[in-house]
Amino acid sequence: MPKDPDNALQAGPRHVAIIMDGNGRWAQARGRPRLFGHHAGARRVREVVEACPRLGIKYLTIFAFSTENWKRTQVEVAGLMSLFRRYIVKETNTLKNNGIRVRFIGDRVRLDAKLTELMDTLERETQDNDLVHLTVALNYGGRDEVARATKRLARDVAEGVLRPEDVDEETLPKYLDTRVLPDPDLVIRTSGEARISNFLLWQSAYSEYEFIDTLWPDFTAAELERLCLNYGSRERRFGAVPA
């Protein structure tokens, strides 16, 4: 007997994280520059965010720019930074008025002052919202995050704030960029690649994964719903056995 989709969605993921991949290939397949694909991908983010309440998704985390993406051409990197600034300016009022709380994770030191100012403003303008928590990973890498968290933890140990014997697997998450967020239930990667690319390494230890062929600019709310339904049909045991 087929599952009731409403019940499956109720059992769906509360926190979805997405590796938004394939923008460049999508553009090149159309004979356009890679930045054309990044602009198309940015428009897709709005549709996905708007679908979250209906699908029962409270937390959405998207991988916008990795610590490794600085290796791309100067033209592409500059274009992406301009896109991020324009997106924030354009979407701030919509996000604020639609109940979306925005956070940014990653190392801001390398980002330009204008962009970080806009990021701070968007976080502040939406801090009272609670319908959907949108987290944008910008200049983010999982290993870099763990390294930065470990430095902060080590500093607290050195200053006597924390005893070495009290450090366990519950301690480090309190120092991560995502310390106020639940771990992702479902991680989606678009574009046919089957790797996690240094994304949420600690947090996704027990996440379910979906690697799909769709390029990010072609990803739709309907496909997100299908993946949420798939998640709702899975048995999550976290290392235990069925009762």
C-alpha atoms as a PDB file:
ATOM      1  CA  MET A   1       0.000   0.000   0.000  1.00  0.00           C
ATOM      2  CA  PRO A   2       1.487   3.420  -0.898  1.00  0.00           C
ATOM      3  CA  LYS A   3       2.451   5.679   1.964  1.00  0.00           C
ATOM      4  CA  ASP A   4       0.297   8.688   2.813  1.00  0.00           C
ATOM      5  CA  PRO A   5       2.368  11.658   1.564  1.00  0.00           C
ATOM      6  CA  ASP A   6       1.109  13.919   4.358  1.00  0.00           C
ATOM      7  CA  ASN A   7       2.252  11.420   6.997  1.00  0.00           C
ATOM      8  CA  ALA A   8       5.566  10.948   5.195  1.00  0.00           C
ATOM      9  CA  LEU A   9       6.154  14.694   5.197  1.00  0.00           C
ATOM     10  CA  GLN A  10       5.356  14.847   8.917  1.00  0.00           C
ATOM     11  CA  ALA A  11       8.166  12.320   9.392  1.00  0.00           C
ATOM     12  CA  GLY A  12      10.371  14.286   7.020  1.00  0.00           C
ATOM     13  CA  PRO A  13      13.603  16.138   7.756  1.00  0.00           C
ATOM     14  CA  ARG A  14      13.516  19.123  10.079  1.00  0.00           C
ATOM     15  CA  HIS A  15      16.940  20.302   8.964  1.00  0.00           C
ATOM     16  CA  VAL A  16      18.016  20.009   5.318  1.00  0.00           C
ATOM     17  CA  ALA A  17      21.494  20.959   4.130  1.00  0.00           C
ATOM     18  CA  ILE A  18      22.230  21.400   0.430  1.00  0.00           C
ATOM     19  CA  ILE A  19      25.467  21.396  -1.540  1.00  0.00           C
ATOM     20  CA  MET A  20      24.331  23.540  -4.457  1.00  0.00           C
ATOM     21  CA  ASP A  21      26.485  22.208  -7.295  1.00  0.00           C
ATOM     22  CA  GLY A  22      26.335  22.460 -11.072  1.00  0.00           C
ATOM     23  CA  ASN A  23      25.846  26.162 -11.753  1.00  0.00           C
ATOM     24  CA  GLY A  24      28.887  26.436 -14.005  1.00  0.00           C
ATOM     25  CA  ARG A  25      28.091  23.311 -16.015  1.00  0.00           C
ATOM     26  CA  TRP A  26      24.484  24.449 -16.421  1.00  0.00           C
ATOM     27  CA  ALA A  27      25.674  27.740 -17.923  1.00  0.00           C
ATOM     28  CA  GLN A  28      28.328  26.175 -20.142  1.00  0.00           C
ATOM     29  CA  ALA A  29      25.782  23.738 -21.567  1.00  0.00           C
ATOM     30  CA  ARG A  30      23.889  26.819 -22.749  1.00  0.00           C
ATOM     31  CA  GLY A  31      26.953  28.533 -24.167  1.00  0.00           C
ATOM     32  CA  ARG A  32      26.991  31.119 -21.396  1.00  0.00           C
ATOM     33  CA  PRO A  33      29.702  32.136 -18.895  1.00  0.00           C
ATOM     34  CA  ARG A  34      29.808  30.371 -15.538  1.00  0.00           C
ATOM     35  CA  LEU A  35      28.542  33.454 -13.685  1.00  0.00           C
ATOM     36  CA  PHE A  36      25.304  33.201 -15.660  1.00  0.00           C
ATOM     37  CA  GLY A  37      24.757  29.865 -13.947  1.00  0.00           C
ATOM     38  CA  HIS A  38      25.524  31.299 -10.507  1.00  0.00           C
ATOM     39  CA  HIS A  39      22.872  33.989 -11.025  1.00  0.00           C
ATOM     40  CA  ALA A  40      20.379  31.303 -12.050  1.00  0.00           C
ATOM     41  CA  GLY A  41      21.313  29.303  -8.962  1.00  0.00           C
ATOM     42  CA  ALA A  42      20.730  32.305  -6.692  1.00  0.00           C
ATOM     43  CA  ARG A  43      17.191  32.651  -8.051  1.00  0.00           C
ATOM     44  CA  ARG A  44      16.594  28.976  -7.278  1.00  0.00           C
ATOM     45  CA  VAL A  45      17.392  29.566  -3.606  1.00  0.00           C
ATOM     46  CA  ARG A  46      14.266  31.693  -3.199  1.00  0.00           C
ATOM     47  CA  GLU A  47      11.965  28.920  -4.468  1.00  0.00           C
ATOM     48  CA  VAL A  48      13.529  26.377  -2.139  1.00  0.00           C
ATOM     49  CA  VAL A  49      13.317  28.663   0.896  1.00  0.00           C
ATOM     50  CA  GLU A  50       9.661  29.443   0.161  1.00  0.00           C
ATOM     51  CA  ALA A  51       8.851  25.710  -0.019  1.00  0.00           C
ATOM     52  CA  CYS A  52      10.333  24.891   3.384  1.00  0.00           C
ATOM     53  CA  PRO A  53       7.337  25.681   5.643  1.00  0.00           C
ATOM     54  CA  ARG A  54       4.989  23.523   3.549  1.00  0.00           C
ATOM     55  CA  LEU A  55       7.471  20.640   3.686  1.00  0.00           C
ATOM     56  CA  GLY A  56       8.021  20.894   7.434  1.00  0.00           C
ATOM     57  CA  ILE A  57      11.612  22.098   7.063  1.00  0.00           C
ATOM     58  CA  LYS A  58      12.505  24.403   9.936  1.00  0.00           C
ATOM     59  CA  TYR A  59      16.222  24.700   9.178  1.00  0.00           C
ATOM     60  CA  LEU A  60      17.847  25.031   5.750  1.00  0.00           C
ATOM     61  CA  THR A  61      21.614  25.264   5.342  1.00  0.00           C
ATOM     62  CA  ILE A  62      23.104  26.003   1.928  1.00  0.00           C
ATOM     63  CA  PHE A  63      26.735  25.783   0.800  1.00  0.00           C
ATOM     64  CA  ALA A  64      27.357  29.026  -1.081  1.00  0.00           C
ATOM     65  CA  PHE A  65      31.154  29.375  -1.201  1.00  0.00           C
ATOM     66  CA  SER A  66      33.800  27.029   0.173  1.00  0.00           C
ATOM     67  CA  THR A  67      37.287  27.764   1.473  1.00  0.00           C
ATOM     68  CA  GLU A  68      38.535  25.917  -1.622  1.00  0.00           C
ATOM     69  CA  ASN A  69      36.558  28.103  -4.052  1.00  0.00           C
ATOM     70  CA  TRP A  70      39.222  30.822  -3.825  1.00  0.00           C
ATOM     71  CA  LYS A  71      41.199  28.653  -6.265  1.00  0.00           C
ATOM     72  CA  ARG A  72      38.767  29.581  -9.053  1.00  0.00           C
ATOM     73  CA  THR A  73      39.600  32.356 -11.515  1.00  0.00           C
ATOM     74  CA  GLN A  74      39.756  35.884 -10.171  1.00  0.00           C
ATOM     75  CA  VAL A  75      36.902  36.856 -12.494  1.00  0.00           C
ATOM     76  CA  GLU A  76      34.612  34.132 -11.148  1.00  0.00           C
ATOM     77  CA  VAL A  77      35.472  34.820  -7.502  1.00  0.00           C
ATOM     78  CA  ALA A  78      34.912  38.558  -7.928  1.00  0.00           C
ATOM     79  CA  GLY A  79      31.637  37.861  -9.704  1.00  0.00           C
ATOM     80  CA  LEU A  80      30.466  35.592  -6.901  1.00  0.00           C
ATOM     81  CA  MET A  81      31.306  38.167  -4.235  1.00  0.00           C
ATOM     82  CA  SER A  82      29.363  40.785  -6.189  1.00  0.00           C
ATOM     83  CA  LEU A  83      26.463  38.345  -6.494  1.00  0.00           C
ATOM     84  CA  PHE A  84      26.417  37.742  -2.737  1.00  0.00           C
ATOM     85  CA  ARG A  85      26.318  41.479  -2.051  1.00  0.00           C
ATOM     86  CA  ARG A  86      23.530  42.055  -4.584  1.00  0.00           C
ATOM     87  CA  TYR A  87      21.523  39.081  -3.302  1.00  0.00           C
ATOM     88  CA  ILE A  88      21.620  40.350   0.279  1.00  0.00           C
ATOM     89  CA  VAL A  89      20.557  43.876  -0.718  1.00  0.00           C
ATOM     90  CA  LYS A  90      17.763  42.564  -2.937  1.00  0.00           C
ATOM     91  CA  GLU A  91      16.386  39.898  -0.611  1.00  0.00           C
ATOM     92  CA  THR A  92      16.689  41.474   2.857  1.00  0.00           C
ATOM     93  CA  ASN A  93      13.148  42.880   3.013  1.00  0.00           C
ATOM     94  CA  THR A  94      11.588  39.721   1.565  1.00  0.00           C
ATOM     95  CA  LEU A  95      13.409  37.494   4.017  1.00  0.00           C
ATOM     96  CA  LYS A  96      12.564  39.744   6.932  1.00  0.00           C
ATOM     97  CA  ASN A  97       8.878  40.072   6.018  1.00  0.00           C
ATOM     98  CA  ASN A  98       8.458  36.339   5.325  1.00  0.00           C
ATOM     99  CA  GLY A  99       9.693  35.184   8.721  1.00  0.00           C
ATOM    100  CA  ILE A 100      13.081  33.865   7.584  1.00  0.00           C
ATOM    101  CA  ARG A 101      15.976  34.123  10.021  1.00  0.00           C
ATOM    102  CA  VAL A 102      19.348  34.254   8.276  1.00  0.00           C
ATOM    103  CA  ARG A 103      22.718  33.251   9.694  1.00  0.00           C
ATOM    104  CA  PHE A 104      26.120  32.971   8.042  1.00  0.00           C
ATOM    105  CA  ILE A 105      28.742  30.397   8.941  1.00  0.00           C
ATOM    106  CA  GLY A 106      32.370  30.289   7.855  1.00  0.00           C
ATOM    107  CA  ASP A 107      35.473  32.409   8.336  1.00  0.00           C
ATOM    108  CA  ARG A 108      34.702  36.055   7.577  1.00  0.00           C
ATOM    109  CA  VAL A 109      38.294  37.288   7.837  1.00  0.00           C
ATOM    110  CA  ARG A 110      39.010  36.937   4.106  1.00  0.00           C
ATOM    111  CA  LEU A 111      35.734  38.511   2.989  1.00  0.00           C
ATOM    112  CA  ASP A 112      35.629  42.203   2.071  1.00  0.00           C
ATOM    113  CA  ALA A 113      34.318  44.740   4.553  1.00  0.00           C
ATOM    114  CA  LYS A 114      31.250  45.715   2.510  1.00  0.00           C
ATOM    115  CA  LEU A 115      30.078  42.112   2.258  1.00  0.00           C
ATOM    116  CA  THR A 116      30.591  41.370   5.958  1.00  0.00           C
ATOM    117  CA  GLU A 117      28.725  44.582   6.829  1.00  0.00           C
ATOM    118  CA  LEU A 118      25.777  43.438   4.716  1.00  0.00           C
ATOM    119  CA  MET A 119      25.917  39.977   6.324  1.00  0.00           C
ATOM    120  CA  ASP A 120      25.863  41.505   9.804  1.00  0.00           C
ATOM    121  CA  THR A 121      22.931  43.720   8.860  1.00  0.00           C
ATOM    122  CA  LEU A 122      20.902  40.843   7.410  1.00  0.00           C
ATOM    123  CA  GLU A 123      21.490  38.725  10.501  1.00  0.00           C
ATOM    124  CA  ARG A 124      20.444  41.600  12.728  1.00  0.00           C
ATOM    125  CA  GLU A 125      17.367  42.504  10.639  1.00  0.00           C
ATOM    126  CA  THR A 126      16.059  38.913  10.728  1.00  0.00           C
ATOM    127  CA  GLN A 127      17.117  37.851  14.224  1.00  0.00           C
ATOM    128  CA  ASP A 128      13.540  37.832  15.573  1.00  0.00           C
ATOM    129  CA  ASN A 129      12.173  35.589  12.793  1.00  0.00           C
ATOM    130  CA  ASP A 130      11.451  31.926  13.443  1.00  0.00           C
ATOM    131  CA  LEU A 131       9.484  30.442  10.533  1.00  0.00           C
ATOM    132  CA  VAL A 132      12.565  29.103   8.747  1.00  0.00           C
ATOM    133  CA  HIS A 133      16.183  29.359   9.829  1.00  0.00           C
ATOM    134  CA  LEU A 134      18.306  29.843   6.710  1.00  0.00           C
ATOM    135  CA  THR A 135      22.034  29.333   7.233  1.00  0.00           C
ATOM    136  CA  VAL A 136      24.415  30.338   4.452  1.00  0.00           C
ATOM    137  CA  ALA A 137      27.878  28.747   4.458  1.00  0.00           C
ATOM    138  CA  LEU A 138      30.150  31.432   3.005  1.00  0.00           C
ATOM    139  CA  ASN A 139      33.935  30.960   2.922  1.00  0.00           C
ATOM    140  CA  TYR A 140      33.177  27.777   4.814  1.00  0.00           C
ATOM    141  CA  GLY A 141      35.057  24.498   5.079  1.00  0.00           C
ATOM    142  CA  GLY A 142      34.352  21.695   7.523  1.00  0.00           C
ATOM    143  CA  ARG A 143      38.007  21.128   8.393  1.00  0.00           C
ATOM    144  CA  ASP A 144      38.585  24.861   8.784  1.00  0.00           C
ATOM    145  CA  GLU A 145      35.558  25.092  11.072  1.00  0.00           C
ATOM    146  CA  VAL A 146      36.795  22.241  13.286  1.00  0.00           C
ATOM    147  CA  ALA A 147      40.288  23.785  13.411  1.00  0.00           C
ATOM    148  CA  ARG A 148      38.894  27.178  14.448  1.00  0.00           C
ATOM    149  CA  ALA A 149      36.638  25.538  17.036  1.00  0.00           C
ATOM    150  CA  THR A 150      39.544  23.534  18.445  1.00  0.00           C
ATOM    151  CA  LYS A 151      41.618  26.705  18.849  1.00  0.00           C
ATOM    152  CA  ARG A 152      38.803  28.334  20.832  1.00  0.00           C
ATOM    153  CA  LEU A 153      38.404  25.215  22.943  1.00  0.00           C
ATOM    154  CA  ALA A 154      42.163  24.997  23.583  1.00  0.00           C
ATOM    155  CA  ARG A 155      42.200  28.656  24.622  1.00  0.00           C
ATOM    156  CA  ASP A 156      39.463  27.999  27.185  1.00  0.00           C
ATOM    157  CA  VAL A 157      41.420  25.028  28.541  1.00  0.00           C
ATOM    158  CA  ALA A 158      44.598  27.130  28.783  1.00  0.00           C
ATOM    159  CA  GLU A 159      42.718  29.894  30.612  1.00  0.00           C
ATOM    160  CA  GLY A 160      41.132  27.450  33.057  1.00  0.00           C
ATOM    161  CA  VAL A 161      37.591  27.937  31.766  1.00  0.00           C
ATOM    162  CA  LEU A 162      37.428  24.252  30.841  1.00  0.00           C
ATOM    163  CA  ARG A 163      39.204  21.240  32.346  1.00  0.00           C
ATOM    164  CA  PRO A 164      40.875  18.816  29.888  1.00  0.00           C
ATOM    165  CA  GLU A 165      39.153  15.849  31.529  1.00  0.00           C
ATOM    166  CA  ASP A 166      35.758  17.453  30.845  1.00  0.00           C
ATOM    167  CA  VAL A 167      36.294  17.573  27.065  1.00  0.00           C
ATOM    168  CA  ASP A 168      34.198  14.964  25.255  1.00  0.00           C
ATOM    169  CA  GLU A 169      32.190  14.646  22.054  1.00  0.00           C
ATOM    170  CA  GLU A 170      29.522  16.926  23.491  1.00  0.00           C
ATOM    171  CA  THR A 171      32.042  19.726  24.052  1.00  0.00           C
ATOM    172  CA  LEU A 172      33.327  20.520  20.563  1.00  0.00           C
ATOM    173  CA  PRO A 173      29.871  21.223  19.021  1.00  0.00           C
ATOM    174  CA  LYS A 174      29.530  24.137  21.449  1.00  0.00           C
ATOM    175  CA  TYR A 175      32.482  25.792  19.681  1.00  0.00           C
ATOM    176  CA  LEU A 176      31.385  25.151  16.097  1.00  0.00           C
ATOM    177  CA  ASP A 177      29.859  27.803  13.828  1.00  0.00           C
ATOM    178  CA  THR A 178      26.599  25.834  13.991  1.00  0.00           C
ATOM    179  CA  ARG A 179      26.427  25.632  17.776  1.00  0.00           C
ATOM    180  CA  VAL A 180      22.880  27.061  17.904  1.00  0.00           C
ATOM    181  CA  LEU A 181      21.570  24.726  15.172  1.00  0.00           C
ATOM    182  CA  PRO A 182      20.484  21.084  15.242  1.00  0.00           C
ATOM    183  CA  ASP A 183      22.501  18.666  13.127  1.00  0.00           C
ATOM    184  CA  PRO A 184      21.164  18.182   9.589  1.00  0.00           C
ATOM    185  CA  ASP A 185      18.793  15.266   9.091  1.00  0.00           C
ATOM    186  CA  LEU A 186      19.225  15.223   5.318  1.00  0.00           C
ATOM    187  CA  VAL A 187      22.126  16.396   3.140  1.00  0.00           C
ATOM    188  CA  ILE A 188      21.465  16.828  -0.588  1.00  0.00           C
ATOM    189  CA  ARG A 189      24.104  17.256  -3.270  1.00  0.00           C
ATOM    190  CA  THR A 190      23.067  18.197  -6.767  1.00  0.00           C
ATOM    191  CA  SER A 191      24.862  17.725 -10.127  1.00  0.00           C
ATOM    192  CA  GLY A 192      25.721  14.025  -9.984  1.00  0.00           C
ATOM    193  CA  GLU A 193      28.813  14.289  -7.785  1.00  0.00           C
ATOM    194  CA  ALA A 194      28.915  11.780  -4.917  1.00  0.00           C
ATOM    195  CA  ARG A 195      31.111  13.484  -2.341  1.00  0.00           C
ATOM    196  CA  ILE A 196      30.524  15.867   0.560  1.00  0.00           C
ATOM    197  CA  SER A 197      33.326  18.327  -0.316  1.00  0.00           C
ATOM    198  CA  ASN A 198      34.275  19.356   3.222  1.00  0.00           C
ATOM    199  CA  PHE A 199      30.708  20.337   4.189  1.00  0.00           C
ATOM    200  CA  LEU A 200      29.436  19.998   7.783  1.00  0.00           C
ATOM    201  CA  LEU A 201      31.875  17.171   8.534  1.00  0.00           C
ATOM    202  CA  TRP A 202      31.124  16.936  12.251  1.00  0.00           C
ATOM    203  CA  GLN A 203      27.434  17.762  12.048  1.00  0.00           C
ATOM    204  CA  SER A 204      26.520  15.244   9.327  1.00  0.00           C
ATOM    205  CA  ALA A 205      27.864  12.149  11.097  1.00  0.00           C
ATOM    206  CA  TYR A 206      24.358  10.621  11.166  1.00  0.00           C
ATOM    207  CA  SER A 207      22.706  12.521   8.329  1.00  0.00           C
ATOM    208  CA  GLU A 208      20.964  10.796   5.463  1.00  0.00           C
ATOM    209  CA  TYR A 209      22.404  11.641   2.046  1.00  0.00           C
ATOM    210  CA  GLU A 210      20.873  12.141  -1.376  1.00  0.00           C
ATOM    211  CA  PHE A 211      23.181  12.518  -4.385  1.00  0.00           C
ATOM    212  CA  ILE A 212      21.100  13.540  -7.383  1.00  0.00           C
ATOM    213  CA  ASP A 213      21.940  14.264 -11.022  1.00  0.00           C
ATOM    214  CA  THR A 214      19.941  17.501 -11.253  1.00  0.00           C
ATOM    215  CA  LEU A 215      22.079  20.616 -11.702  1.00  0.00           C
ATOM    216  CA  TRP A 216      21.298  23.233  -9.054  1.00  0.00           C
ATOM    217  CA  PRO A 217      19.630  25.804 -11.380  1.00  0.00           C
ATOM    218  CA  ASP A 218      17.175  23.048 -12.416  1.00  0.00           C
ATOM    219  CA  PHE A 219      16.404  21.947  -8.848  1.00  0.00           C
ATOM    220  CA  THR A 220      12.766  22.550  -7.925  1.00  0.00           C
ATOM    221  CA  ALA A 221      10.528  22.563  -4.884  1.00  0.00           C
ATOM    222  CA  ALA A 222       8.880  19.442  -6.302  1.00  0.00           C
ATOM    223  CA  GLU A 223      12.201  17.607  -6.276  1.00  0.00           C
ATOM    224  CA  LEU A 224      12.866  18.762  -2.734  1.00  0.00           C
ATOM    225  CA  GLU A 225       9.469  17.395  -1.734  1.00  0.00           C
ATOM    226  CA  ARG A 226      10.278  14.040  -3.351  1.00  0.00           C
ATOM    227  CA  LEU A 227      13.539  13.816  -1.401  1.00  0.00           C
ATOM    228  CA  CYS A 228      11.752  14.707   1.828  1.00  0.00           C
ATOM    229  CA  LEU A 229       9.234  11.931   1.167  1.00  0.00           C
ATOM    230  CA  ASN A 230      12.102   9.511   0.582  1.00  0.00           C
ATOM    231  CA  TYR A 231      13.617  10.553   3.888  1.00  0.00           C
ATOM    232  CA  GLY A 232      10.303   9.990   5.681  1.00  0.00           C
ATOM    233  CA  SER A 233      10.244   6.383   4.485  1.00  0.00           C
ATOM    234  CA  ARG A 234      13.704   5.560   5.861  1.00  0.00           C
ATOM    235  CA  GLU A 235      14.346   3.833   9.166  1.00  0.00           C
ATOM    236  CA  ARG A 236      16.781   5.857  11.269  1.00  0.00           C
ATOM    237  CA  ARG A 237      18.499   3.649  13.867  1.00  0.00           C
ATOM    238  CA  PHE A 238      21.625   5.636  14.813  1.00  0.00           C
ATOM    239  CA  GLY A 239      23.635   2.458  15.295  1.00  0.00           C
ATOM    240  CA  ALA A 240      20.921   0.590  17.197  1.00  0.00           C
ATOM    241  CA  VAL A 241      18.808  -2.349  15.980  1.00  0.00           C
ATOM    242  CA  PRO A 242      15.009  -2.372  15.497  1.00  0.00           C
ATOM    243  CA  ALA A 243      13.020  -3.106  18.610  1.00  0.00           C
END
